[in-house]
Amino acid sequence: MHRKLQNEYKFRIMSYTQMAQLEVLNAVRGISSEVELKEFRDLIAHYFAQKAQTAIDAMWNNGQINSQTIQAWGNEHMRQTL
């Protein structure tokens, strides 16, 4: 099957989560050392940290949170026993 058609077909039958999983599997296929694994983990952590920072910045800019909110978060006890 032509690659373009394969991609269109894949797009129709796979969720974005499934497509992301395939992309990750393809990316990790080439990892061959502990150093490369650490670099990959750091890359993923940086990606999600950046997304969190962007979301927090948006909340700050539209007034959903402010310095008092952040200070209150610092005083919260978040641990729960199961």
N, C-alpha and C. Protein backbone atom coordinates (compact mmCIF):
# COMPACT_ATOMS: atom_id res chain seq x y z
N MET A 1 0.84 -1.17 0.00
CA MET A 1 0.00 0.00 0.00
C MET A 1 0.89 1.24 0.00
N HIS A 2 0.53 2.23 -0.73
CA HIS A 2 1.29 3.47 -0.82
C HIS A 2 1.37 4.12 0.57
N ARG A 3 2.52 4.68 0.92
CA ARG A 3 2.74 5.23 2.27
C ARG A 3 1.70 6.30 2.64
N LYS A 4 1.37 7.18 1.68
CA LYS A 4 0.38 8.21 1.97
C LYS A 4 -0.97 7.58 2.31
N LEU A 5 -1.35 6.56 1.57
CA LEU A 5 -2.60 5.88 1.85
C LEU A 5 -2.55 5.16 3.19
N GLN A 6 -1.40 4.58 3.51
CA GLN A 6 -1.25 3.93 4.81
C GLN A 6 -1.47 4.93 5.92
N ASN A 7 -0.85 6.10 5.81
CA ASN A 7 -1.00 7.13 6.84
C ASN A 7 -2.45 7.58 6.97
N GLU A 8 -3.14 7.78 5.84
CA GLU A 8 -4.54 8.18 5.89
C GLU A 8 -5.39 7.09 6.53
N TYR A 9 -5.10 5.84 6.19
CA TYR A 9 -5.85 4.72 6.74
C TYR A 9 -5.63 4.64 8.25
N LYS A 10 -4.37 4.76 8.65
CA LYS A 10 -4.01 4.70 10.06
C LYS A 10 -4.73 5.82 10.82
N PHE A 11 -4.80 6.98 10.21
CA PHE A 11 -5.43 8.13 10.83
C PHE A 11 -6.90 7.88 11.12
N ARG A 12 -7.54 7.12 10.28
CA ARG A 12 -8.98 6.89 10.42
C ARG A 12 -9.30 5.82 11.45
N ILE A 13 -8.42 4.86 11.66
CA ILE A 13 -8.76 3.74 12.54
C ILE A 13 -8.05 3.79 13.89
N MET A 14 -7.10 4.70 14.06
CA MET A 14 -6.35 4.76 15.31
C MET A 14 -6.65 6.06 16.05
N SER A 15 -6.69 5.96 17.37
CA SER A 15 -6.85 7.17 18.17
C SER A 15 -5.51 7.91 18.22
N TYR A 16 -5.55 9.15 18.64
CA TYR A 16 -4.30 9.90 18.77
C TYR A 16 -3.39 9.26 19.82
N THR A 17 -3.98 8.67 20.85
CA THR A 17 -3.18 7.98 21.85
C THR A 17 -2.45 6.79 21.23
N GLN A 18 -3.15 6.03 20.42
CA GLN A 18 -2.53 4.88 19.76
C GLN A 18 -1.43 5.33 18.80
N MET A 19 -1.68 6.42 18.07
CA MET A 19 -0.65 6.92 17.16
C MET A 19 0.57 7.40 17.95
N ALA A 20 0.34 8.05 19.08
CA ALA A 20 1.45 8.51 19.92
C ALA A 20 2.24 7.32 20.45
N GLN A 21 1.54 6.27 20.85
CA GLN A 21 2.23 5.08 21.34
C GLN A 21 3.13 4.48 20.27
N LEU A 22 2.64 4.44 19.04
CA LEU A 22 3.47 3.93 17.95
C LEU A 22 4.70 4.81 17.72
N GLU A 23 4.50 6.11 17.80
CA GLU A 23 5.63 7.03 17.63
C GLU A 23 6.68 6.81 18.72
N VAL A 24 6.23 6.61 19.96
CA VAL A 24 7.16 6.37 21.06
C VAL A 24 7.89 5.05 20.84
N LEU A 25 7.15 4.02 20.46
CA LEU A 25 7.80 2.72 20.20
C LEU A 25 8.85 2.85 19.09
N ASN A 26 8.53 3.60 18.05
CA ASN A 26 9.51 3.80 16.98
C ASN A 26 10.72 4.57 17.48
N ALA A 27 10.49 5.54 18.36
CA ALA A 27 11.60 6.35 18.87
C ALA A 27 12.52 5.54 19.78
N VAL A 28 11.94 4.70 20.63
CA VAL A 28 12.76 3.96 21.59
C VAL A 28 13.45 2.75 20.97
N ARG A 29 13.04 2.39 19.77
CA ARG A 29 13.65 1.24 19.10
C ARG A 29 15.17 1.40 18.97
N GLY A 30 15.62 2.64 18.82
CA GLY A 30 17.05 2.89 18.63
C GLY A 30 17.85 3.09 19.90
N ILE A 31 17.19 3.07 21.06
CA ILE A 31 17.91 3.28 22.32
C ILE A 31 18.73 2.03 22.62
N SER A 32 20.02 2.25 22.80
CA SER A 32 20.89 1.08 22.99
C SER A 32 21.82 1.20 24.18
N SER A 33 21.60 2.21 25.02
CA SER A 33 22.46 2.33 26.20
C SER A 33 21.70 3.02 27.33
N GLU A 34 22.24 2.90 28.52
CA GLU A 34 21.64 3.55 29.68
C GLU A 34 21.65 5.07 29.52
N VAL A 35 22.70 5.60 28.92
CA VAL A 35 22.80 7.04 28.70
C VAL A 35 21.69 7.51 27.76
N GLU A 36 21.46 6.78 26.67
CA GLU A 36 20.40 7.14 25.74
C GLU A 36 19.03 7.03 26.40
N LEU A 37 18.84 6.03 27.26
CA LEU A 37 17.58 5.88 27.97
C LEU A 37 17.35 7.07 28.89
N LYS A 38 18.38 7.50 29.61
CA LYS A 38 18.27 8.68 30.48
C LYS A 38 17.95 9.92 29.67
N GLU A 39 18.60 10.08 28.52
CA GLU A 39 18.33 11.23 27.66
C GLU A 39 16.87 11.22 27.19
N PHE A 40 16.36 10.04 26.85
CA PHE A 40 14.98 9.93 26.41
C PHE A 40 14.02 10.28 27.54
N ARG A 41 14.29 9.75 28.72
CA ARG A 41 13.44 10.08 29.88
C ARG A 41 13.45 11.57 30.16
N ASP A 42 14.64 12.18 30.09
CA ASP A 42 14.75 13.63 30.31
C ASP A 42 13.97 14.41 29.26
N LEU A 43 14.01 13.95 28.03
CA LEU A 43 13.28 14.61 26.95
C LEU A 43 11.78 14.56 27.21
N ILE A 44 11.27 13.41 27.60
CA ILE A 44 9.84 13.26 27.89
C ILE A 44 9.46 14.12 29.10
N ALA A 45 10.29 14.10 30.14
CA ALA A 45 10.01 14.91 31.33
C ALA A 45 9.98 16.39 30.98
N HIS A 46 10.93 16.84 30.16
CA HIS A 46 10.97 18.24 29.75
C HIS A 46 9.72 18.62 28.97
N TYR A 47 9.28 17.75 28.08
CA TYR A 47 8.08 17.99 27.28
C TYR A 47 6.87 18.23 28.18
N PHE A 48 6.65 17.33 29.15
CA PHE A 48 5.48 17.47 30.00
C PHE A 48 5.62 18.62 30.99
N ALA A 49 6.83 18.91 31.44
CA ALA A 49 7.05 20.07 32.31
C ALA A 49 6.72 21.36 31.56
N GLN A 50 7.12 21.44 30.30
CA GLN A 50 6.83 22.61 29.48
C GLN A 50 5.32 22.77 29.27
N LYS A 51 4.62 21.68 29.03
CA LYS A 51 3.16 21.75 28.87
C LYS A 51 2.50 22.22 30.16
N ALA A 52 2.97 21.73 31.29
CA ALA A 52 2.42 22.16 32.58
C ALA A 52 2.69 23.65 32.80
N GLN A 53 3.89 24.10 32.49
CA GLN A 53 4.23 25.51 32.65
C GLN A 53 3.36 26.40 31.77
N THR A 54 3.13 25.97 30.54
CA THR A 54 2.27 26.73 29.63
C THR A 54 0.85 26.84 30.18
N ALA A 55 0.33 25.74 30.73
CA ALA A 55 -1.02 25.74 31.30
C ALA A 55 -1.08 26.65 32.53
N ILE A 56 -0.07 26.60 33.37
CA ILE A 56 -0.03 27.45 34.56
C ILE A 56 0.07 28.92 34.17
N ASP A 57 0.90 29.22 33.17
CA ASP A 57 1.00 30.59 32.69
C ASP A 57 -0.34 31.10 32.18
N ALA A 58 -1.07 30.26 31.46
CA ALA A 58 -2.38 30.65 30.94
C ALA A 58 -3.36 30.92 32.09
N MET A 59 -3.33 30.07 33.11
CA MET A 59 -4.19 30.27 34.27
C MET A 59 -3.83 31.56 35.00
N TRP A 60 -2.56 31.86 35.09
CA TRP A 60 -2.11 33.09 35.74
C TRP A 60 -2.58 34.30 34.92
N ASN A 61 -2.38 34.23 33.61
CA ASN A 61 -2.73 35.36 32.74
C ASN A 61 -4.22 35.65 32.68
N ASN A 62 -5.06 34.62 32.84
CA ASN A 62 -6.51 34.88 32.79
C ASN A 62 -7.13 35.03 34.18
N GLY A 63 -6.27 35.08 35.20
CA GLY A 63 -6.74 35.37 36.55
C GLY A 63 -7.27 34.20 37.34
N GLN A 64 -7.12 32.98 36.83
CA GLN A 64 -7.61 31.81 37.57
C GLN A 64 -6.76 31.53 38.80
N ILE A 65 -5.48 31.87 38.74
CA ILE A 65 -4.60 31.71 39.89
C ILE A 65 -3.80 33.00 40.07
N ASN A 66 -3.30 33.18 41.30
CA ASN A 66 -2.44 34.32 41.60
C ASN A 66 -1.43 33.89 42.66
N SER A 67 -0.66 34.81 43.18
CA SER A 67 0.39 34.43 44.13
C SER A 67 -0.20 33.82 45.40
N GLN A 68 -1.39 34.29 45.81
CA GLN A 68 -2.02 33.71 47.01
C GLN A 68 -2.42 32.25 46.76
N THR A 69 -2.89 31.95 45.56
CA THR A 69 -3.25 30.58 45.21
C THR A 69 -2.04 29.66 45.30
N ILE A 70 -0.95 30.12 44.74
CA ILE A 70 0.28 29.31 44.74
C ILE A 70 0.80 29.14 46.16
N GLN A 71 0.72 30.19 46.96
CA GLN A 71 1.15 30.09 48.36
C GLN A 71 0.26 29.09 49.11
N ALA A 72 -1.05 29.12 48.85
CA ALA A 72 -1.97 28.17 49.49
C ALA A 72 -1.63 26.74 49.08
N TRP A 73 -1.29 26.55 47.81
CA TRP A 73 -0.90 25.20 47.36
C TRP A 73 0.31 24.71 48.14
N GLY A 74 1.24 25.61 48.42
CA GLY A 74 2.45 25.24 49.16
C GLY A 74 2.16 24.80 50.58
N ASN A 75 1.03 25.23 51.12
CA ASN A 75 0.66 24.87 52.50
C ASN A 75 -0.25 23.66 52.57
N GLU A 76 -0.70 23.16 51.42
CA GLU A 76 -1.60 22.01 51.42
C GLU A 76 -0.86 20.72 51.71
N HIS A 77 -1.55 19.83 52.40
CA HIS A 77 -1.03 18.48 52.64
C HIS A 77 -1.70 17.56 51.64
N MET A 78 -0.94 17.12 50.63
CA MET A 78 -1.53 16.37 49.52
C MET A 78 -1.45 14.85 49.67
N ARG A 79 -0.66 14.37 50.59
CA ARG A 79 -0.50 12.92 50.72
C ARG A 79 -1.76 12.29 51.25
N GLN A 80 -2.10 11.14 50.70
CA GLN A 80 -3.25 10.40 51.16
C GLN A 80 -2.87 8.96 51.43
N THR A 81 -3.47 8.39 52.42
CA THR A 81 -3.24 6.97 52.68
C THR A 81 -4.29 6.18 51.94
N LEU A 82 -3.89 5.01 51.49
CA LEU A 82 -4.82 4.16 50.74
C LEU A 82 -5.45 3.13 51.63
